[in-house]
Amino acid sequence: MLALPTTYLRDDNPQLIIEPLDAMTVIYHRRSGMTHIVAEPVPQILACMDTAPVTAADIARRIADTFEVDDAEVEAVIAARLEEMAELGIVERIRA
């Protein structure tokens, strides 16, 4: 049986405050009171996410189109960052 890819959802609610800070980005999660300081490609990944669930491959294609990189090369990096963001509560893991 073919495994379905993990799908992620960016929660665009007031629980997350995202602010660029020089080369870094600060993400404050109101519900937990936690502040996360992140670097590239996290802000770019979040910017590529819609309100509909997406996979790492979807985001890799969008980033490849925008930044002229090979989507196959960045998909593994994006998948790892999505997993980290899911653990922090920045995005929601929908299906594995």
PDB file of N, CA and C in Angstrom:
ATOM      1  N   MET A   1       0.838  -1.175   0.000  1.00  0.00           N
ATOM      2  CA  MET A   1       0.000   0.000   0.000  1.00  0.00           C
ATOM      3  C   MET A   1       0.888   1.245   0.000  1.00  0.00           C
ATOM      4  N   LEU A   2       0.558   2.197  -0.825  1.00  0.00           N
ATOM      5  CA  LEU A   2       1.307   3.429  -0.962  1.00  0.00           C
ATOM      6  C   LEU A   2       1.005   4.349   0.217  1.00  0.00           C
ATOM      7  N   ALA A   3       2.047   4.835   0.886  1.00  0.00           N
ATOM      8  CA  ALA A   3       1.863   5.737   2.026  1.00  0.00           C
ATOM      9  C   ALA A   3       1.540   7.145   1.524  1.00  0.00           C
ATOM     10  N   LEU A   4       0.593   7.768   2.168  1.00  0.00           N
ATOM     11  CA  LEU A   4       0.237   9.135   1.824  1.00  0.00           C
ATOM     12  C   LEU A   4       1.267  10.091   2.405  1.00  0.00           C
ATOM     13  N   PRO A   5       1.570  11.174   1.694  1.00  0.00           N
ATOM     14  CA  PRO A   5       2.532  12.137   2.248  1.00  0.00           C
ATOM     15  C   PRO A   5       1.914  12.890   3.430  1.00  0.00           C
ATOM     16  N   THR A   6       2.769  13.333   4.331  1.00  0.00           N
ATOM     17  CA  THR A   6       2.297  14.126   5.451  1.00  0.00           C
ATOM     18  C   THR A   6       1.855  15.482   4.933  1.00  0.00           C
ATOM     19  N   THR A   7       0.730  15.943   5.414  1.00  0.00           N
ATOM     20  CA  THR A   7       0.163  17.222   5.013  1.00  0.00           C
ATOM     21  C   THR A   7       0.203  18.172   6.202  1.00  0.00           C
ATOM     22  N   TYR A   8       0.492  19.436   5.936  1.00  0.00           N
ATOM     23  CA  TYR A   8       0.623  20.437   6.992  1.00  0.00           C
ATOM     24  C   TYR A   8      -0.304  21.608   6.722  1.00  0.00           C
ATOM     25  N   LEU A   9      -0.711  22.258   7.796  1.00  0.00           N
ATOM     26  CA  LEU A   9      -1.604  23.415   7.701  1.00  0.00           C
ATOM     27  C   LEU A   9      -1.013  24.553   8.508  1.00  0.00           C
ATOM     28  N   ARG A  10      -0.909  25.704   7.882  1.00  0.00           N
ATOM     29  CA  ARG A  10      -0.479  26.906   8.590  1.00  0.00           C
ATOM     30  C   ARG A  10      -1.712  27.516   9.220  1.00  0.00           C
ATOM     31  N   ASP A  11      -1.659  27.686  10.506  1.00  0.00           N
ATOM     32  CA  ASP A  11      -2.789  28.240  11.231  1.00  0.00           C
ATOM     33  C   ASP A  11      -2.671  29.761  11.252  1.00  0.00           C
ATOM     34  N   ASP A  12      -3.446  30.432  10.404  1.00  0.00           N
ATOM     35  CA  ASP A  12      -3.427  31.896  10.354  1.00  0.00           C
ATOM     36  C   ASP A  12      -4.379  32.469  11.383  1.00  0.00           C
ATOM     37  N   ASN A  13      -4.041  32.319  12.640  1.00  0.00           N
ATOM     38  CA  ASN A  13      -4.882  32.875  13.677  1.00  0.00           C
ATOM     39  C   ASN A  13      -4.075  33.847  14.524  1.00  0.00           C
ATOM     40  N   PRO A  14      -4.733  34.586  15.372  1.00  0.00           N
ATOM     41  CA  PRO A  14      -4.008  35.566  16.185  1.00  0.00           C
ATOM     42  C   PRO A  14      -3.117  34.937  17.252  1.00  0.00           C
ATOM     43  N   GLN A  15      -3.079  33.619  17.339  1.00  0.00           N
ATOM     44  CA  GLN A  15      -2.194  32.964  18.303  1.00  0.00           C
ATOM     45  C   GLN A  15      -0.722  33.112  17.905  1.00  0.00           C
ATOM     46  N   LEU A  16      -0.447  33.322  16.617  1.00  0.00           N
ATOM     47  CA  LEU A  16       0.927  33.479  16.146  1.00  0.00           C
ATOM     48  C   LEU A  16       1.173  34.908  15.700  1.00  0.00           C
ATOM     49  N   ILE A  17       2.231  35.492  16.229  1.00  0.00           N
ATOM     50  CA  ILE A  17       2.675  36.814  15.786  1.00  0.00           C
ATOM     51  C   ILE A  17       4.039  36.611  15.141  1.00  0.00           C
ATOM     52  N   ILE A  18       4.153  36.937  13.868  1.00  0.00           N
ATOM     53  CA  ILE A  18       5.383  36.710  13.107  1.00  0.00           C
ATOM     54  C   ILE A  18       5.967  38.056  12.712  1.00  0.00           C
ATOM     55  N   GLU A  19       7.208  38.311  13.156  1.00  0.00           N
ATOM     56  CA  GLU A  19       7.867  39.581  12.880  1.00  0.00           C
ATOM     57  C   GLU A  19       9.300  39.355  12.422  1.00  0.00           C
ATOM     58  N   PRO A  20       9.677  39.939  11.275  1.00  0.00           N
ATOM     59  CA  PRO A  20      11.075  39.858  10.846  1.00  0.00           C
ATOM     60  C   PRO A  20      11.950  40.701  11.776  1.00  0.00           C
ATOM     61  N   LEU A  21      13.160  40.218  12.032  1.00  0.00           N
ATOM     62  CA  LEU A  21      14.107  40.922  12.896  1.00  0.00           C
ATOM     63  C   LEU A  21      15.491  40.741  12.285  1.00  0.00           C
ATOM     64  N   ASP A  22      15.890  41.683  11.446  1.00  0.00           N
ATOM     65  CA  ASP A  22      17.140  41.592  10.698  1.00  0.00           C
ATOM     66  C   ASP A  22      17.160  40.293   9.884  1.00  0.00           C
ATOM     67  N   ALA A  23      18.175  39.451  10.066  1.00  0.00           N
ATOM     68  CA  ALA A  23      18.290  38.213   9.293  1.00  0.00           C
ATOM     69  C   ALA A  23      17.450  37.081   9.871  1.00  0.00           C
ATOM     70  N   MET A  24      16.891  37.284  11.046  1.00  0.00           N
ATOM     71  CA  MET A  24      16.093  36.270  11.721  1.00  0.00           C
ATOM     72  C   MET A  24      14.617  36.678  11.698  1.00  0.00           C
ATOM     73  N   THR A  25      13.743  35.767  12.102  1.00  0.00           N
ATOM     74  CA  THR A  25      12.320  36.052  12.248  1.00  0.00           C
ATOM     75  C   THR A  25      11.899  35.565  13.624  1.00  0.00           C
ATOM     76  N   VAL A  26      11.116  36.370  14.310  1.00  0.00           N
ATOM     77  CA  VAL A  26      10.623  36.018  15.635  1.00  0.00           C
ATOM     78  C   VAL A  26       9.165  35.596  15.495  1.00  0.00           C
ATOM     79  N   ILE A  27       8.835  34.442  16.060  1.00  0.00           N
ATOM     80  CA  ILE A  27       7.457  33.953  16.055  1.00  0.00           C
ATOM     81  C   ILE A  27       7.025  33.792  17.505  1.00  0.00           C
ATOM     82  N   TYR A  28       6.030  34.560  17.903  1.00  0.00           N
ATOM     83  CA  TYR A  28       5.503  34.469  19.263  1.00  0.00           C
ATOM     84  C   TYR A  28       4.192  33.693  19.221  1.00  0.00           C
ATOM     85  N   HIS A  29       4.103  32.665  20.041  1.00  0.00           N
ATOM     86  CA  HIS A  29       2.917  31.821  20.113  1.00  0.00           C
ATOM     87  C   HIS A  29       2.171  32.199  21.392  1.00  0.00           C
ATOM     88  N   ARG A  30       1.102  32.966  21.253  1.00  0.00           N
ATOM     89  CA  ARG A  30       0.384  33.492  22.413  1.00  0.00           C
ATOM     90  C   ARG A  30      -0.120  32.418  23.363  1.00  0.00           C
ATOM     91  N   ARG A  31      -0.690  31.363  22.825  1.00  0.00           N
ATOM     92  CA  ARG A  31      -1.299  30.327  23.651  1.00  0.00           C
ATOM     93  C   ARG A  31      -0.279  29.697  24.595  1.00  0.00           C
ATOM     94  N   SER A  32       0.924  29.418  24.094  1.00  0.00           N
ATOM     95  CA  SER A  32       1.946  28.777  24.925  1.00  0.00           C
ATOM     96  C   SER A  32       2.850  29.787  25.626  1.00  0.00           C
ATOM     97  N   GLY A  33       2.859  31.031  25.121  1.00  0.00           N
ATOM     98  CA  GLY A  33       3.755  32.034  25.678  1.00  0.00           C
ATOM     99  C   GLY A  33       5.189  31.871  25.210  1.00  0.00           C
ATOM    100  N   MET A  34       5.409  31.012  24.230  1.00  0.00           N
ATOM    101  CA  MET A  34       6.757  30.734  23.728  1.00  0.00           C
ATOM    102  C   MET A  34       7.104  31.673  22.565  1.00  0.00           C
ATOM    103  N   THR A  35       8.361  32.082  22.542  1.00  0.00           N
ATOM    104  CA  THR A  35       8.890  32.860  21.434  1.00  0.00           C
ATOM    105  C   THR A  35       9.935  32.012  20.724  1.00  0.00           C
ATOM    106  N   HIS A  36       9.814  31.910  19.411  1.00  0.00           N
ATOM    107  CA  HIS A  36      10.739  31.122  18.605  1.00  0.00           C
ATOM    108  C   HIS A  36      11.489  32.073  17.679  1.00  0.00           C
ATOM    109  N   ILE A  37      12.792  31.931  17.636  1.00  0.00           N
ATOM    110  CA  ILE A  37      13.615  32.708  16.713  1.00  0.00           C
ATOM    111  C   ILE A  37      14.047  31.751  15.612  1.00  0.00           C
ATOM    112  N   VAL A  38      13.655  32.066  14.381  1.00  0.00           N
ATOM    113  CA  VAL A  38      13.902  31.161  13.260  1.00  0.00           C
ATOM    114  C   VAL A  38      14.675  31.881  12.161  1.00  0.00           C
ATOM    115  N   ALA A  39      15.336  31.095  11.340  1.00  0.00           N
ATOM    116  CA  ALA A  39      16.094  31.616  10.201  1.00  0.00           C
ATOM    117  C   ALA A  39      15.533  31.012   8.920  1.00  0.00           C
ATOM    118  N   GLU A  40      16.100  31.420   7.797  1.00  0.00           N
ATOM    119  CA  GLU A  40      15.700  30.845   6.514  1.00  0.00           C
ATOM    120  C   GLU A  40      15.889  29.342   6.567  1.00  0.00           C
ATOM    121  N   PRO A  41      15.047  28.569   5.994  1.00  0.00           N
ATOM    122  CA  PRO A  41      13.941  28.888   5.100  1.00  0.00           C
ATOM    123  C   PRO A  41      12.574  28.932   5.784  1.00  0.00           C
ATOM    124  N   VAL A  42      12.523  28.988   7.122  1.00  0.00           N
ATOM    125  CA  VAL A  42      11.228  28.943   7.819  1.00  0.00           C
ATOM    126  C   VAL A  42      10.296  30.071   7.366  1.00  0.00           C
ATOM    127  N   PRO A  43      10.733  31.348   7.343  1.00  0.00           N
ATOM    128  CA  PRO A  43       9.798  32.395   6.887  1.00  0.00           C
ATOM    129  C   PRO A  43       9.316  32.186   5.455  1.00  0.00           C
ATOM    130  N   GLN A  44      10.204  31.707   4.598  1.00  0.00           N
ATOM    131  CA  GLN A  44       9.818  31.464   3.207  1.00  0.00           C
ATOM    132  C   GLN A  44       8.829  30.305   3.110  1.00  0.00           C
ATOM    133  N   ILE A  45       9.008  29.286   3.930  1.00  0.00           N
ATOM    134  CA  ILE A  45       8.064  28.167   3.944  1.00  0.00           C
ATOM    135  C   ILE A  45       6.693  28.655   4.392  1.00  0.00           C
ATOM    136  N   LEU A  46       6.656  29.424   5.477  1.00  0.00           N
ATOM    137  CA  LEU A  46       5.376  29.942   5.967  1.00  0.00           C
ATOM    138  C   LEU A  46       4.705  30.837   4.929  1.00  0.00           C
ATOM    139  N   ALA A  47       5.500  31.634   4.222  1.00  0.00           N
ATOM    140  CA  ALA A  47       4.942  32.522   3.191  1.00  0.00           C
ATOM    141  C   ALA A  47       4.348  31.732   2.031  1.00  0.00           C
ATOM    142  N   CYS A  48       4.867  30.541   1.767  1.00  0.00           N
ATOM    143  CA  CYS A  48       4.371  29.708   0.662  1.00  0.00           C
ATOM    144  C   CYS A  48       3.133  28.903   1.040  1.00  0.00           C
ATOM    145  N   MET A  49       2.809  28.864   2.307  1.00  0.00           N
ATOM    146  CA  MET A  49       1.672  28.047   2.745  1.00  0.00           C
ATOM    147  C   MET A  49       0.383  28.853   2.656  1.00  0.00           C
ATOM    148  N   ASP A  50      -0.647  28.216   2.116  1.00  0.00           N
ATOM    149  CA  ASP A  50      -1.977  28.823   2.053  1.00  0.00           C
ATOM    150  C   ASP A  50      -2.753  28.390   3.291  1.00  0.00           C
ATOM    151  N   THR A  51      -4.039  28.659   3.280  1.00  0.00           N
ATOM    152  CA  THR A  51      -4.883  28.196   4.374  1.00  0.00           C
ATOM    153  C   THR A  51      -5.346  26.764   4.146  1.00  0.00           C
ATOM    154  N   ALA A  52      -5.006  26.191   2.992  1.00  0.00           N
ATOM    155  CA  ALA A  52      -5.328  24.785   2.696  1.00  0.00           C
ATOM    156  C   ALA A  52      -4.118  23.917   3.042  1.00  0.00           C
ATOM    157  N   PRO A  53      -4.335  22.678   3.434  1.00  0.00           N
ATOM    158  CA  PRO A  53      -3.214  21.784   3.749  1.00  0.00           C
ATOM    159  C   PRO A  53      -2.302  21.585   2.539  1.00  0.00           C
ATOM    160  N   VAL A  54      -0.984  21.504   2.806  1.00  0.00           N
ATOM    161  CA  VAL A  54       0.011  21.307   1.751  1.00  0.00           C
ATOM    162  C   VAL A  54       1.033  20.272   2.204  1.00  0.00           C
ATOM    163  N   THR A  55       1.742  19.710   1.236  1.00  0.00           N
ATOM    164  CA  THR A  55       2.822  18.775   1.522  1.00  0.00           C
ATOM    165  C   THR A  55       4.161  19.492   1.333  1.00  0.00           C
ATOM    166  N   ALA A  56       5.236  18.837   1.749  1.00  0.00           N
ATOM    167  CA  ALA A  56       6.570  19.392   1.531  1.00  0.00           C
ATOM    168  C   ALA A  56       6.848  19.547   0.038  1.00  0.00           C
ATOM    169  N   ALA A  57       6.349  18.610  -0.763  1.00  0.00           N
ATOM    170  CA  ALA A  57       6.549  18.693  -2.220  1.00  0.00           C
ATOM    171  C   ALA A  57       5.835  19.909  -2.812  1.00  0.00           C
ATOM    172  N   ASP A  58       4.633  20.218  -2.304  1.00  0.00           N
ATOM    173  CA  ASP A  58       3.904  21.411  -2.770  1.00  0.00           C
ATOM    174  C   ASP A  58       4.724  22.672  -2.505  1.00  0.00           C
ATOM    175  N   ILE A  59       5.241  22.776  -1.293  1.00  0.00           N
ATOM    176  CA  ILE A  59       6.017  23.960  -0.912  1.00  0.00           C
ATOM    177  C   ILE A  59       7.319  24.010  -1.704  1.00  0.00           C
ATOM    178  N   ALA A  60       7.965  22.871  -1.918  1.00  0.00           N
ATOM    179  CA  ALA A  60       9.209  22.829  -2.690  1.00  0.00           C
ATOM    180  C   ALA A  60       8.978  23.357  -4.099  1.00  0.00           C
ATOM    181  N   ARG A  61       7.860  22.979  -4.717  1.00  0.00           N
ATOM    182  CA  ARG A  61       7.552  23.482  -6.063  1.00  0.00           C
ATOM    183  C   ARG A  61       7.361  25.000  -6.046  1.00  0.00           C
ATOM    184  N   ARG A  62       6.656  25.506  -5.045  1.00  0.00           N
ATOM    185  CA  ARG A  62       6.424  26.957  -4.958  1.00  0.00           C
ATOM    186  C   ARG A  62       7.731  27.715  -4.738  1.00  0.00           C
ATOM    187  N   ILE A  63       8.573  27.193  -3.857  1.00  0.00           N
ATOM    188  CA  ILE A  63       9.857  27.851  -3.600  1.00  0.00           C
ATOM    189  C   ILE A  63      10.755  27.755  -4.824  1.00  0.00           C
ATOM    190  N   ALA A  64      10.744  26.618  -5.511  1.00  0.00           N
ATOM    191  CA  ALA A  64      11.555  26.451  -6.716  1.00  0.00           C
ATOM    192  C   ALA A  64      11.146  27.454  -7.784  1.00  0.00           C
ATOM    193  N   ASP A  65       9.852  27.703  -7.921  1.00  0.00           N
ATOM    194  CA  ASP A  65       9.371  28.674  -8.903  1.00  0.00           C
ATOM    195  C   ASP A  65       9.793  30.091  -8.532  1.00  0.00           C
ATOM    196  N   THR A  66       9.760  30.414  -7.254  1.00  0.00           N
ATOM    197  CA  THR A  66      10.065  31.764  -6.795  1.00  0.00           C
ATOM    198  C   THR A  66      11.563  32.044  -6.766  1.00  0.00           C
ATOM    199  N   PHE A  67      12.342  31.087  -6.266  1.00  0.00           N
ATOM    200  CA  PHE A  67      13.762  31.331  -6.040  1.00  0.00           C
ATOM    201  C   PHE A  67      14.684  30.630  -7.034  1.00  0.00           C
ATOM    202  N   GLU A  68      14.125  30.006  -8.072  1.00  0.00           N
ATOM    203  CA  GLU A  68      14.889  29.343  -9.116  1.00  0.00           C
ATOM    204  C   GLU A  68      15.877  28.323  -8.558  1.00  0.00           C
ATOM    205  N   VAL A  69      15.364  27.403  -7.760  1.00  0.00           N
ATOM    206  CA  VAL A  69      16.163  26.290  -7.244  1.00  0.00           C
ATOM    207  C   VAL A  69      15.482  24.995  -7.659  1.00  0.00           C
ATOM    208  N   ASP A  70      16.203  23.898  -7.542  1.00  0.00           N
ATOM    209  CA  ASP A  70      15.675  22.586  -7.894  1.00  0.00           C
ATOM    210  C   ASP A  70      14.792  22.089  -6.751  1.00  0.00           C
ATOM    211  N   ASP A  71      13.505  21.854  -7.026  1.00  0.00           N
ATOM    212  CA  ASP A  71      12.577  21.455  -5.964  1.00  0.00           C
ATOM    213  C   ASP A  71      12.949  20.118  -5.335  1.00  0.00           C
ATOM    214  N   ALA A  72      13.587  19.229  -6.084  1.00  0.00           N
ATOM    215  CA  ALA A  72      13.990  17.930  -5.521  1.00  0.00           C
ATOM    216  C   ALA A  72      15.071  18.117  -4.458  1.00  0.00           C
ATOM    217  N   GLU A  73      15.928  19.109  -4.635  1.00  0.00           N
ATOM    218  CA  GLU A  73      17.001  19.361  -3.684  1.00  0.00           C
ATOM    219  C   GLU A  73      16.492  19.966  -2.382  1.00  0.00           C
ATOM    220  N   VAL A  74      15.448  20.760  -2.446  1.00  0.00           N
ATOM    221  CA  VAL A  74      14.991  21.453  -1.242  1.00  0.00           C
ATOM    222  C   VAL A  74      13.847  20.735  -0.526  1.00  0.00           C
ATOM    223  N   GLU A  75      13.249  19.740  -1.147  1.00  0.00           N
ATOM    224  CA  GLU A  75      12.103  19.072  -0.529  1.00  0.00           C
ATOM    225  C   GLU A  75      12.450  18.426   0.813  1.00  0.00           C
ATOM    226  N   ALA A  76      13.599  17.774   0.911  1.00  0.00           N
ATOM    227  CA  ALA A  76      13.991  17.134   2.176  1.00  0.00           C
ATOM    228  C   ALA A  76      14.212  18.171   3.276  1.00  0.00           C
ATOM    229  N   VAL A  77      14.811  19.294   2.919  1.00  0.00           N
ATOM    230  CA  VAL A  77      15.034  20.371   3.892  1.00  0.00           C
ATOM    231  C   VAL A  77      13.693  20.927   4.360  1.00  0.00           C
ATOM    232  N   ILE A  78      12.785  21.143   3.433  1.00  0.00           N
ATOM    233  CA  ILE A  78      11.462  21.672   3.768  1.00  0.00           C
ATOM    234  C   ILE A  78      10.702  20.690   4.649  1.00  0.00           C
ATOM    235  N   ALA A  79      10.766  19.415   4.333  1.00  0.00           N
ATOM    236  CA  ALA A  79      10.081  18.395   5.143  1.00  0.00           C
ATOM    237  C   ALA A  79      10.609  18.401   6.572  1.00  0.00           C
ATOM    238  N   ALA A  80      11.913  18.530   6.734  1.00  0.00           N
ATOM    239  CA  ALA A  80      12.503  18.569   8.079  1.00  0.00           C
ATOM    240  C   ALA A  80      12.059  19.814   8.838  1.00  0.00           C
ATOM    241  N   ARG A  81      12.043  20.962   8.167  1.00  0.00           N
ATOM    242  CA  ARG A  81      11.603  22.202   8.834  1.00  0.00           C
ATOM    243  C   ARG A  81      10.120  22.135   9.198  1.00  0.00           C
ATOM    244  N   LEU A  82       9.297  21.541   8.325  1.00  0.00           N
ATOM    245  CA  LEU A  82       7.871  21.398   8.630  1.00  0.00           C
ATOM    246  C   LEU A  82       7.656  20.537   9.867  1.00  0.00           C
ATOM    247  N   GLU A  83       8.423  19.460   9.985  1.00  0.00           N
ATOM    248  CA  GLU A  83       8.314  18.597  11.164  1.00  0.00           C
ATOM    249  C   GLU A  83       8.696  19.369  12.426  1.00  0.00           C
ATOM    250  N   GLU A  84       9.772  20.158  12.344  1.00  0.00           N
ATOM    251  CA  GLU A  84      10.183  20.969  13.492  1.00  0.00           C
ATOM    252  C   GLU A  84       9.100  21.982  13.858  1.00  0.00           C
ATOM    253  N   MET A  85       8.530  22.636  12.840  1.00  0.00           N
ATOM    254  CA  MET A  85       7.478  23.618  13.104  1.00  0.00           C
ATOM    255  C   MET A  85       6.233  22.961  13.673  1.00  0.00           C
ATOM    256  N   ALA A  86       5.928  21.741  13.250  1.00  0.00           N
ATOM    257  CA  ALA A  86       4.779  21.024  13.808  1.00  0.00           C
ATOM    258  C   ALA A  86       5.005  20.720  15.281  1.00  0.00           C
ATOM    259  N   GLU A  87       6.226  20.332  15.638  1.00  0.00           N
ATOM    260  CA  GLU A  87       6.547  20.052  17.038  1.00  0.00           C
ATOM    261  C   GLU A  87       6.430  21.308  17.900  1.00  0.00           C
ATOM    262  N   LEU A  88       6.716  22.475  17.319  1.00  0.00           N
ATOM    263  CA  LEU A  88       6.641  23.741  18.050  1.00  0.00           C
ATOM    264  C   LEU A  88       5.229  24.328  18.073  1.00  0.00           C
ATOM    265  N   GLY A  89       4.326  23.783  17.248  1.00  0.00           N
ATOM    266  CA  GLY A  89       2.968  24.299  17.189  1.00  0.00           C
ATOM    267  C   GLY A  89       2.785  25.446  16.217  1.00  0.00           C
ATOM    268  N   ILE A  90       3.794  25.699  15.381  1.00  0.00           N
ATOM    269  CA  ILE A  90       3.694  26.788  14.395  1.00  0.00           C
ATOM    270  C   ILE A  90       2.823  26.371  13.219  1.00  0.00           C
ATOM    271  N   VAL A  91       2.911  25.108  12.814  1.00  0.00           N
ATOM    272  CA  VAL A  91       2.022  24.538  11.807  1.00  0.00           C
ATOM    273  C   VAL A  91       1.397  23.284  12.404  1.00  0.00           C
ATOM    274  N   GLU A  92       0.336  22.825  11.783  1.00  0.00           N
ATOM    275  CA  GLU A  92      -0.346  21.630  12.270  1.00  0.00           C
ATOM    276  C   GLU A  92      -0.129  20.486  11.290  1.00  0.00           C
ATOM    277  N   ARG A  93       0.249  19.329  11.804  1.00  0.00           N
ATOM    278  CA  ARG A  93       0.412  18.112  11.004  1.00  0.00           C
ATOM    279  C   ARG A  93      -0.985  17.515  10.846  1.00  0.00           C
ATOM    280  N   ILE A  94      -1.462  17.402   9.605  1.00  0.00           N
ATOM    281  CA  ILE A  94      -2.817  16.932   9.329  1.00  0.00           C
ATOM    282  C   ILE A  94      -2.872  15.429   9.156  1.00  0.00           C
ATOM    283  N   ARG A  95      -1.954  14.858   8.364  1.00  0.00           N
ATOM    284  CA  ARG A  95      -2.029  13.435   8.052  1.00  0.00           C
ATOM    285  C   ARG A  95      -0.618  12.901   7.801  1.00  0.00           C
ATOM    286  N   ALA A  96      -0.361  11.710   8.301  1.00  0.00           N
ATOM    287  CA  ALA A  96       0.946  11.079   8.041  1.00  0.00           C
ATOM    288  C   ALA A  96       0.710   9.753   7.352  1.00  0.00           C
TER     289      ALA A  96
END
